Amino acid sequence: GLVQAGGSLRLSCVVSGTIFSVNAMGWYRQAPGK
């Protein structure tokens, strides 16, 4: 979402179709032009 500088957000990611507990997980990001 949209938040002001200094603010907070919590992202969630729900996984299906595999055994979740045995896998490593990650968060990545991509800014425009990067």
Full PDB file with SEQRES, HELIX, SHEET, SSBOND, CRYST1, ORIGX, SCALE, CONECT and MASTER records, all heavy atoms in Angstrom:
SEQRES   1 A   34  GLY LEU VAL GLN ALA GLY GLY SER LEU ARG LEU SER CYS          
SEQRES   2 A   34  VAL VAL SER GLY THR ILE PHE SER VAL ASN ALA MET GLY          
SEQRES   3 A   34  TRP TYR ARG GLN ALA PRO GLY LYS                              
HELIX    1 AA1 PHE A   20  VAL A   22  5                                   3    
CRYST1    1.000    1.000    1.000  90.00  90.00  90.00 P 1           1          
ORIGX1      1.000000  0.000000  0.000000        0.00000                         
ORIGX2      0.000000  1.000000  0.000000        0.00000                         
ORIGX3      0.000000  0.000000  1.000000        0.00000                         
SCALE1      1.000000  0.000000  0.000000        0.00000                         
SCALE2      0.000000  1.000000  0.000000        0.00000                         
SCALE3      0.000000  0.000000  1.000000        0.00000                         
ATOM      1  N   GLY A   1       0.822  -1.202   0.000  1.00  0.00           N  
ATOM      2  CA  GLY A   1       0.000   0.000   0.000  1.00  0.00           C  
ATOM      3  C   GLY A   1       0.848   1.240   0.000  1.00  0.00           C  
ATOM      4  O   GLY A   1       2.060   1.201  -0.238  1.00  0.00           O  
ATOM      5  N   LEU A   2       0.189   2.357   0.263  1.00  0.00           N  
ATOM      6  CA  LEU A   2       0.835   3.668   0.316  1.00  0.00           C  
ATOM      7  C   LEU A   2       0.990   4.073   1.775  1.00  0.00           C  
ATOM      8  O   LEU A   2       0.018   4.025   2.547  1.00  0.00           O  
ATOM      9  CB  LEU A   2      -0.023   4.692  -0.431  1.00  0.00           C  
ATOM     10  CG  LEU A   2       0.411   6.152  -0.344  1.00  0.00           C  
ATOM     11  CD1 LEU A   2       1.783   6.353  -0.986  1.00  0.00           C  
ATOM     12  CD2 LEU A   2      -0.635   7.041  -1.015  1.00  0.00           C  
ATOM     13  N   VAL A   3       2.194   4.479   2.141  1.00  0.00           N  
ATOM     14  CA  VAL A   3       2.455   4.863   3.519  1.00  0.00           C  
ATOM     15  C   VAL A   3       3.430   6.037   3.520  1.00  0.00           C  
ATOM     16  O   VAL A   3       4.233   6.192   2.593  1.00  0.00           O  
ATOM     17  CB  VAL A   3       3.027   3.661   4.308  1.00  0.00           C  
ATOM     18  CG1 VAL A   3       4.367   3.224   3.761  1.00  0.00           C  
ATOM     19  CG2 VAL A   3       3.103   3.954   5.787  1.00  0.00           C  
ATOM     20  N   GLN A   4       3.350   6.856   4.527  1.00  0.00           N  
ATOM     21  CA  GLN A   4       4.271   7.979   4.656  1.00  0.00           C  
ATOM     22  C   GLN A   4       5.616   7.494   5.202  1.00  0.00           C  
ATOM     23  O   GLN A   4       5.692   6.463   5.900  1.00  0.00           O  
ATOM     24  CB  GLN A   4       3.697   9.043   5.579  1.00  0.00           C  
ATOM     25  CG  GLN A   4       2.534   9.813   4.969  1.00  0.00           C  
ATOM     26  CD  GLN A   4       2.120  10.986   5.835  1.00  0.00           C  
ATOM     27  OE1 GLN A   4       2.289  10.978   7.046  1.00  0.00           O  
ATOM     28  NE2 GLN A   4       1.565  12.023   5.204  1.00  0.00           N  
ATOM     29  N   ALA A   5       6.644   8.248   4.899  1.00  0.00           N  
ATOM     30  CA  ALA A   5       7.969   7.929   5.431  1.00  0.00           C  
ATOM     31  C   ALA A   5       7.910   7.820   6.950  1.00  0.00           C  
ATOM     32  O   ALA A   5       7.251   8.618   7.622  1.00  0.00           O  
ATOM     33  CB  ALA A   5       8.970   9.005   5.017  1.00  0.00           C  
ATOM     34  N   GLY A   6       8.575   6.794   7.469  1.00  0.00           N  
ATOM     35  CA  GLY A   6       8.535   6.524   8.897  1.00  0.00           C  
ATOM     36  C   GLY A   6       7.448   5.556   9.308  1.00  0.00           C  
ATOM     37  O   GLY A   6       7.432   5.089  10.457  1.00  0.00           O  
ATOM     38  N   GLY A   7       6.561   5.255   8.385  1.00  0.00           N  
ATOM     39  CA  GLY A   7       5.445   4.367   8.689  1.00  0.00           C  
ATOM     40  C   GLY A   7       5.807   2.902   8.619  1.00  0.00           C  
ATOM     41  O   GLY A   7       6.972   2.529   8.405  1.00  0.00           O  
ATOM     42  N   SER A   8       4.783   2.064   8.790  1.00  0.00           N  
ATOM     43  CA  SER A   8       4.981   0.613   8.843  1.00  0.00           C  
ATOM     44  C   SER A   8       3.987  -0.101   7.953  1.00  0.00           C  
ATOM     45  O   SER A   8       2.881   0.404   7.706  1.00  0.00           O  
ATOM     46  CB  SER A   8       4.780   0.122  10.284  1.00  0.00           C  
ATOM     47  OG  SER A   8       5.644   0.769  11.174  1.00  0.00           O  
ATOM     48  N   LEU A   9       4.393  -1.256   7.481  1.00  0.00           N  
ATOM     49  CA  LEU A   9       3.510  -2.159   6.755  1.00  0.00           C  
ATOM     50  C   LEU A   9       3.931  -3.584   7.079  1.00  0.00           C  
ATOM     51  O   LEU A   9       5.098  -3.836   7.391  1.00  0.00           O  
ATOM     52  CB  LEU A   9       3.632  -1.963   5.243  1.00  0.00           C  
ATOM     53  CG  LEU A   9       2.951  -0.765   4.588  1.00  0.00           C  
ATOM     54  CD1 LEU A   9       3.325  -0.699   3.114  1.00  0.00           C  
ATOM     55  CD2 LEU A   9       1.440  -0.834   4.745  1.00  0.00           C  
ATOM     56  N   ARG A  10       2.979  -4.513   6.980  1.00  0.00           N  
ATOM     57  CA  ARG A  10       3.304  -5.927   7.092  1.00  0.00           C  
ATOM     58  C   ARG A  10       2.814  -6.644   5.853  1.00  0.00           C  
ATOM     59  O   ARG A  10       1.611  -6.620   5.554  1.00  0.00           O  
ATOM     60  CB  ARG A  10       2.687  -6.566   8.336  1.00  0.00           C  
ATOM     61  CG  ARG A  10       3.209  -7.996   8.559  1.00  0.00           C  
ATOM     62  CD  ARG A  10       2.711  -8.644   9.814  1.00  0.00           C  
ATOM     63  NE  ARG A  10       1.383  -9.217   9.666  1.00  0.00           N  
ATOM     64  CZ  ARG A  10       0.925 -10.225  10.395  1.00  0.00           C  
ATOM     65  NH1 ARG A  10       1.704 -10.783  11.318  1.00  0.00           N  
ATOM     66  NH2 ARG A  10      -0.318 -10.665  10.217  1.00  0.00           N  
ATOM     67  N   LEU A  11       3.729  -7.268   5.163  1.00  0.00           N  
ATOM     68  CA  LEU A  11       3.391  -8.059   3.990  1.00  0.00           C  
ATOM     69  C   LEU A  11       3.202  -9.516   4.390  1.00  0.00           C  
ATOM     70  O   LEU A  11       3.888 -10.011   5.276  1.00  0.00           O  
ATOM     71  CB  LEU A  11       4.494  -7.966   2.937  1.00  0.00           C  
ATOM     72  CG  LEU A  11       4.920  -6.563   2.504  1.00  0.00           C  
ATOM     73  CD1 LEU A  11       5.973  -6.658   1.408  1.00  0.00           C  
ATOM     74  CD2 LEU A  11       3.732  -5.740   2.055  1.00  0.00           C  
ATOM     75  N   SER A  12       2.278 -10.175   3.716  1.00  0.00           N  
ATOM     76  CA  SER A  12       2.032 -11.599   3.938  1.00  0.00           C  
ATOM     77  C   SER A  12       2.116 -12.340   2.610  1.00  0.00           C  
ATOM     78  O   SER A  12       1.811 -11.769   1.558  1.00  0.00           O  
ATOM     79  CB  SER A  12       0.640 -11.811   4.548  1.00  0.00           C  
ATOM     80  OG  SER A  12       0.501 -11.164   5.780  1.00  0.00           O  
ATOM     81  N   CYS A  13       2.493 -13.600   2.690  1.00  0.00           N  
ATOM     82  CA  CYS A  13       2.560 -14.435   1.494  1.00  0.00           C  
ATOM     83  C   CYS A  13       2.104 -15.833   1.875  1.00  0.00           C  
ATOM     84  O   CYS A  13       2.734 -16.487   2.707  1.00  0.00           O  
ATOM     85  CB  CYS A  13       3.976 -14.468   0.949  1.00  0.00           C  
ATOM     86  SG  CYS A  13       4.241 -15.650  -0.398  1.00  0.00           S  
ATOM     87  N   VAL A  14       1.001 -16.258   1.285  1.00  0.00           N  
ATOM     88  CA  VAL A  14       0.449 -17.580   1.542  1.00  0.00           C  
ATOM     89  C   VAL A  14       0.870 -18.525   0.428  1.00  0.00           C  
ATOM     90  O   VAL A  14       0.725 -18.201  -0.752  1.00  0.00           O  
ATOM     91  CB  VAL A  14      -1.078 -17.524   1.655  1.00  0.00           C  
ATOM     92  CG1 VAL A  14      -1.636 -18.919   1.923  1.00  0.00           C  
ATOM     93  CG2 VAL A  14      -1.508 -16.564   2.756  1.00  0.00           C  
ATOM     94  N   VAL A  15       1.356 -19.687   0.818  1.00  0.00           N  
ATOM     95  CA  VAL A  15       1.878 -20.671  -0.137  1.00  0.00           C  
ATOM     96  C   VAL A  15       0.957 -21.877  -0.193  1.00  0.00           C  
ATOM     97  O   VAL A  15       0.459 -22.341   0.834  1.00  0.00           O  
ATOM     98  CB  VAL A  15       3.294 -21.110   0.269  1.00  0.00           C  
ATOM     99  CG1 VAL A  15       3.831 -22.177  -0.695  1.00  0.00           C  
ATOM    100  CG2 VAL A  15       4.235 -19.916   0.315  1.00  0.00           C  
ATOM    101  N   SER A  16       0.749 -22.392  -1.382  1.00  0.00           N  
ATOM    102  CA  SER A  16      -0.018 -23.626  -1.553  1.00  0.00           C  
ATOM    103  C   SER A  16       0.653 -24.488  -2.608  1.00  0.00           C  
ATOM    104  O   SER A  16       1.480 -24.017  -3.381  1.00  0.00           O  
ATOM    105  CB  SER A  16      -1.459 -23.319  -1.967  1.00  0.00           C  
ATOM    106  OG  SER A  16      -1.489 -22.629  -3.202  1.00  0.00           O  
ATOM    107  N   GLY A  17       0.304 -25.780  -2.588  1.00  0.00           N  
ATOM    108  CA  GLY A  17       0.799 -26.678  -3.630  1.00  0.00           C  
ATOM    109  C   GLY A  17       2.122 -27.329  -3.351  1.00  0.00           C  
ATOM    110  O   GLY A  17       2.665 -28.021  -4.226  1.00  0.00           O  
ATOM    111  N   THR A  18       2.672 -27.144  -2.149  1.00  0.00           N  
ATOM    112  CA  THR A  18       3.934 -27.767  -1.812  1.00  0.00           C  
ATOM    113  C   THR A  18       4.043 -27.882  -0.294  1.00  0.00           C  
ATOM    114  O   THR A  18       3.237 -27.322   0.442  1.00  0.00           O  
ATOM    115  CB  THR A  18       5.117 -26.972  -2.373  1.00  0.00           C  
ATOM    116  OG1 THR A  18       6.323 -27.729  -2.190  1.00  0.00           O  
ATOM    117  CG2 THR A  18       5.280 -25.633  -1.669  1.00  0.00           C  
ATOM    118  N   ILE A  19       5.065 -28.613   0.143  1.00  0.00           N  
ATOM    119  CA  ILE A  19       5.300 -28.736   1.588  1.00  0.00           C  
ATOM    120  C   ILE A  19       6.055 -27.494   2.025  1.00  0.00           C  
ATOM    121  O   ILE A  19       7.261 -27.367   1.793  1.00  0.00           O  
ATOM    122  CB  ILE A  19       6.096 -30.003   1.906  1.00  0.00           C  
ATOM    123  CG1 ILE A  19       5.339 -31.243   1.375  1.00  0.00           C  
ATOM    124  CG2 ILE A  19       6.310 -30.119   3.409  1.00  0.00           C  
ATOM    125  CD1 ILE A  19       6.112 -32.539   1.512  1.00  0.00           C  
ATOM    126  N   PHE A  20       5.353 -26.586   2.667  1.00  0.00           N  
ATOM    127  CA  PHE A  20       5.901 -25.271   2.995  1.00  0.00           C  
ATOM    128  C   PHE A  20       7.066 -25.356   3.978  1.00  0.00           C  
ATOM    129  O   PHE A  20       8.095 -24.701   3.801  1.00  0.00           O  
ATOM    130  CB  PHE A  20       4.783 -24.406   3.578  1.00  0.00           C  
ATOM    131  CG  PHE A  20       5.226 -23.051   4.058  1.00  0.00           C  
ATOM    132  CD1 PHE A  20       5.460 -22.027   3.156  1.00  0.00           C  
ATOM    133  CD2 PHE A  20       5.389 -22.802   5.415  1.00  0.00           C  
ATOM    134  CE1 PHE A  20       5.856 -20.770   3.593  1.00  0.00           C  
ATOM    135  CE2 PHE A  20       5.786 -21.557   5.866  1.00  0.00           C  
ATOM    136  CZ  PHE A  20       6.020 -20.528   4.950  1.00  0.00           C  
ATOM    137  N   SER A  21       6.933 -26.177   5.013  1.00  0.00           N  
ATOM    138  CA  SER A  21       7.845 -26.119   6.150  1.00  0.00           C  
ATOM    139  C   SER A  21       9.288 -26.478   5.807  1.00  0.00           C  
ATOM    140  O   SER A  21      10.209 -26.079   6.517  1.00  0.00           O  
ATOM    141  CB  SER A  21       7.344 -27.042   7.269  1.00  0.00           C  
ATOM    142  OG  SER A  21       7.273 -28.373   6.804  1.00  0.00           O  
ATOM    143  N   VAL A  22       9.511 -27.229   4.740  1.00  0.00           N  
ATOM    144  CA  VAL A  22      10.878 -27.680   4.450  1.00  0.00           C  
ATOM    145  C   VAL A  22      11.640 -26.710   3.565  1.00  0.00           C  
ATOM    146  O   VAL A  22      12.833 -26.888   3.327  1.00  0.00           O  
ATOM    147  CB  VAL A  22      10.871 -29.072   3.776  1.00  0.00           C  
ATOM    148  CG1 VAL A  22      10.181 -30.091   4.672  1.00  0.00           C  
ATOM    149  CG2 VAL A  22      10.211 -29.029   2.404  1.00  0.00           C  
ATOM    150  N   ASN A  23      10.952 -25.703   3.075  1.00  0.00           N  
ATOM    151  CA  ASN A  23      11.583 -24.793   2.118  1.00  0.00           C  
ATOM    152  C   ASN A  23      11.971 -23.468   2.746  1.00  0.00           C  
ATOM    153  O   ASN A  23      11.254 -22.933   3.588  1.00  0.00           O  
ATOM    154  CB  ASN A  23      10.619 -24.506   0.961  1.00  0.00           C  
ATOM    155  CG  ASN A  23      10.442 -25.716   0.065  1.00  0.00           C  
ATOM    156  OD1 ASN A  23      11.357 -26.140  -0.620  1.00  0.00           O  
ATOM    157  ND2 ASN A  23       9.251 -26.280   0.079  1.00  0.00           N  
ATOM    158  N   ALA A  24      13.094 -22.933   2.295  1.00  0.00           N  
ATOM    159  CA  ALA A  24      13.432 -21.561   2.643  1.00  0.00           C  
ATOM    160  C   ALA A  24      12.513 -20.632   1.864  1.00  0.00           C  
ATOM    161  O   ALA A  24      12.021 -20.975   0.789  1.00  0.00           O  
ATOM    162  CB  ALA A  24      14.891 -21.273   2.298  1.00  0.00           C  
ATOM    163  N   MET A  25      12.288 -19.460   2.434  1.00  0.00           N  
ATOM    164  CA  MET A  25      11.439 -18.450   1.814  1.00  0.00           C  
ATOM    165  C   MET A  25      12.191 -17.125   1.770  1.00  0.00           C  
ATOM    166  O   MET A  25      13.075 -16.869   2.590  1.00  0.00           O  
ATOM    167  CB  MET A  25      10.148 -18.267   2.609  1.00  0.00           C  
ATOM    168  CG  MET A  25       9.272 -19.496   2.693  1.00  0.00           C  
ATOM    169  SD  MET A  25       8.590 -19.988   1.096  1.00  0.00           S  
ATOM    170  CE  MET A  25       7.676 -18.515   0.629  1.00  0.00           C  
ATOM    171  N   GLY A  26      11.801 -16.293   0.821  1.00  0.00           N  
ATOM    172  CA  GLY A  26      12.455 -15.002   0.728  1.00  0.00           C  
ATOM    173  C   GLY A  26      11.514 -13.905   0.274  1.00  0.00           C  
ATOM    174  O   GLY A  26      10.446 -14.184  -0.285  1.00  0.00           O  
ATOM    175  N   TRP A  27      11.913 -12.697   0.562  1.00  0.00           N  
ATOM    176  CA  TRP A  27      11.258 -11.504   0.018  1.00  0.00           C  
ATOM    177  C   TRP A  27      12.273 -10.762  -0.836  1.00  0.00           C  
ATOM    178  O   TRP A  27      13.428 -10.564  -0.419  1.00  0.00           O  
ATOM    179  CB  TRP A  27      10.747 -10.587   1.124  1.00  0.00           C  
ATOM    180  CG  TRP A  27       9.518 -11.076   1.811  1.00  0.00           C  
ATOM    181  CD1 TRP A  27       9.454 -11.762   2.984  1.00  0.00           C  
ATOM    182  CD2 TRP A  27       8.174 -10.921   1.363  1.00  0.00           C  
ATOM    183  NE1 TRP A  27       8.144 -12.054   3.298  1.00  0.00           N  
ATOM    184  CE2 TRP A  27       7.339 -11.539   2.306  1.00  0.00           C  
ATOM    185  CE3 TRP A  27       7.580 -10.309   0.249  1.00  0.00           C  
ATOM    186  CZ2 TRP A  27       5.953 -11.569   2.190  1.00  0.00           C  
ATOM    187  CZ3 TRP A  27       6.202 -10.338   0.121  1.00  0.00           C  
ATOM    188  CH2 TRP A  27       5.404 -10.967   1.077  1.00  0.00           C  
ATOM    189  N   TYR A  28      11.851 -10.377  -2.022  1.00  0.00           N  
ATOM    190  CA  TYR A  28      12.659  -9.599  -2.948  1.00  0.00           C  
ATOM    191  C   TYR A  28      11.871  -8.345  -3.300  1.00  0.00           C  
ATOM    192  O   TYR A  28      10.664  -8.277  -3.065  1.00  0.00           O  
ATOM    193  CB  TYR A  28      12.930 -10.396  -4.232  1.00  0.00           C  
ATOM    194  CG  TYR A  28      13.820 -11.602  -4.052  1.00  0.00           C  
ATOM    195  CD1 TYR A  28      13.351 -12.740  -3.409  1.00  0.00           C  
ATOM    196  CD2 TYR A  28      15.121 -11.619  -4.547  1.00  0.00           C  
ATOM    197  CE1 TYR A  28      14.162 -13.853  -3.247  1.00  0.00           C  
ATOM    198  CE2 TYR A  28      15.938 -12.727  -4.399  1.00  0.00           C  
ATOM    199  CZ  TYR A  28      15.445 -13.835  -3.741  1.00  0.00           C  
ATOM    200  OH  TYR A  28      16.252 -14.944  -3.590  1.00  0.00           O  
ATOM    201  N   ARG A  29      12.549  -7.371  -3.893  1.00  0.00           N  
ATOM    202  CA  ARG A  29      11.844  -6.177  -4.346  1.00  0.00           C  
ATOM    203  C   ARG A  29      12.468  -5.665  -5.639  1.00  0.00           C  
ATOM    204  O   ARG A  29      13.644  -5.893  -5.897  1.00  0.00           O  
ATOM    205  CB  ARG A  29      11.834  -5.081  -3.285  1.00  0.00           C  
ATOM    206  CG  ARG A  29      13.203  -4.481  -2.966  1.00  0.00           C  
ATOM    207  CD  ARG A  29      13.088  -3.522  -1.794  1.00  0.00           C  
ATOM    208  NE  ARG A  29      14.370  -2.904  -1.478  1.00  0.00           N  
ATOM    209  CZ  ARG A  29      14.569  -2.127  -0.407  1.00  0.00           C  
ATOM    210  NH1 ARG A  29      13.576  -1.874   0.431  1.00  0.00           N  
ATOM    211  NH2 ARG A  29      15.771  -1.603  -0.200  1.00  0.00           N  
ATOM    212  N   GLN A  30      11.642  -4.964  -6.398  1.00  0.00           N  
ATOM    213  CA  GLN A  30      12.115  -4.377  -7.646  1.00  0.00           C  
ATOM    214  C   GLN A  30      11.537  -2.984  -7.794  1.00  0.00           C  
ATOM    215  O   GLN A  30      10.316  -2.829  -7.889  1.00  0.00           O  
ATOM    216  CB  GLN A  30      11.725  -5.246  -8.843  1.00  0.00           C  
ATOM    217  CG  GLN A  30      12.337  -4.788 -10.151  1.00  0.00           C  
ATOM    218  CD  GLN A  30      12.216  -5.831 -11.247  1.00  0.00           C  
ATOM    219  OE1 GLN A  30      11.408  -6.758 -11.163  1.00  0.00           O  
ATOM    220  NE2 GLN A  30      13.033  -5.708 -12.278  1.00  0.00           N  
ATOM    221  N   ALA A  31      12.423  -2.015  -7.791  1.00  0.00           N  
ATOM    222  CA  ALA A  31      12.028  -0.625  -7.993  1.00  0.00           C  
ATOM    223  C   ALA A  31      12.051  -0.322  -9.488  1.00  0.00           C  
ATOM    224  O   ALA A  31      12.744  -0.993 -10.257  1.00  0.00           O  
ATOM    225  CB  ALA A  31      12.968   0.297  -7.246  1.00  0.00           C  
ATOM    226  N   PRO A  32      11.318   0.713  -9.918  1.00  0.00           N  
ATOM    227  CA  PRO A  32      11.288   1.061 -11.351  1.00  0.00           C  
ATOM    228  C   PRO A  32      12.691   1.306 -11.896  1.00  0.00           C  
ATOM    229  O   PRO A  32      13.475   2.047 -11.302  1.00  0.00           O  
ATOM    230  CB  PRO A  32      10.448   2.335 -11.371  1.00  0.00           C  
ATOM    231  CG  PRO A  32       9.582   2.237 -10.174  1.00  0.00           C  
ATOM    232  CD  PRO A  32      10.411   1.551  -9.126  1.00  0.00           C  
ATOM    233  N   GLY A  33      13.000   0.652 -13.004  1.00  0.00           N  
ATOM    234  CA  GLY A  33      14.291   0.850 -13.650  1.00  0.00           C  
ATOM    235  C   GLY A  33      15.451   0.144 -12.982  1.00  0.00           C  
ATOM    236  O   GLY A  33      16.602   0.326 -13.408  1.00  0.00           O  
ATOM    237  N   LYS A  34      15.167  -0.659 -11.960  1.00  0.00           N  
ATOM    238  CA  LYS A  34      16.243  -1.352 -11.249  1.00  0.00           C  
ATOM    239  C   LYS A  34      16.029  -2.859 -11.293  1.00  0.00           C  
ATOM    240  O   LYS A  34      14.934  -3.349 -11.558  1.00  0.00           O  
ATOM    241  CB  LYS A  34      16.309  -0.876  -9.793  1.00  0.00           C  
ATOM    242  CG  LYS A  34      16.699   0.574  -9.640  1.00  0.00           C  
ATOM    243  CD  LYS A  34      16.925   0.925  -8.183  1.00  0.00           C  
ATOM    244  CE  LYS A  34      17.383   2.361  -8.020  1.00  0.00           C  
ATOM    245  NZ  LYS A  34      17.642   2.708  -6.599  1.00  0.00           N  
TER     246      LYS A  34                                                      
MASTER        0    0    0    1    0    0    0    6  245    1    0    3          
END                                                                             
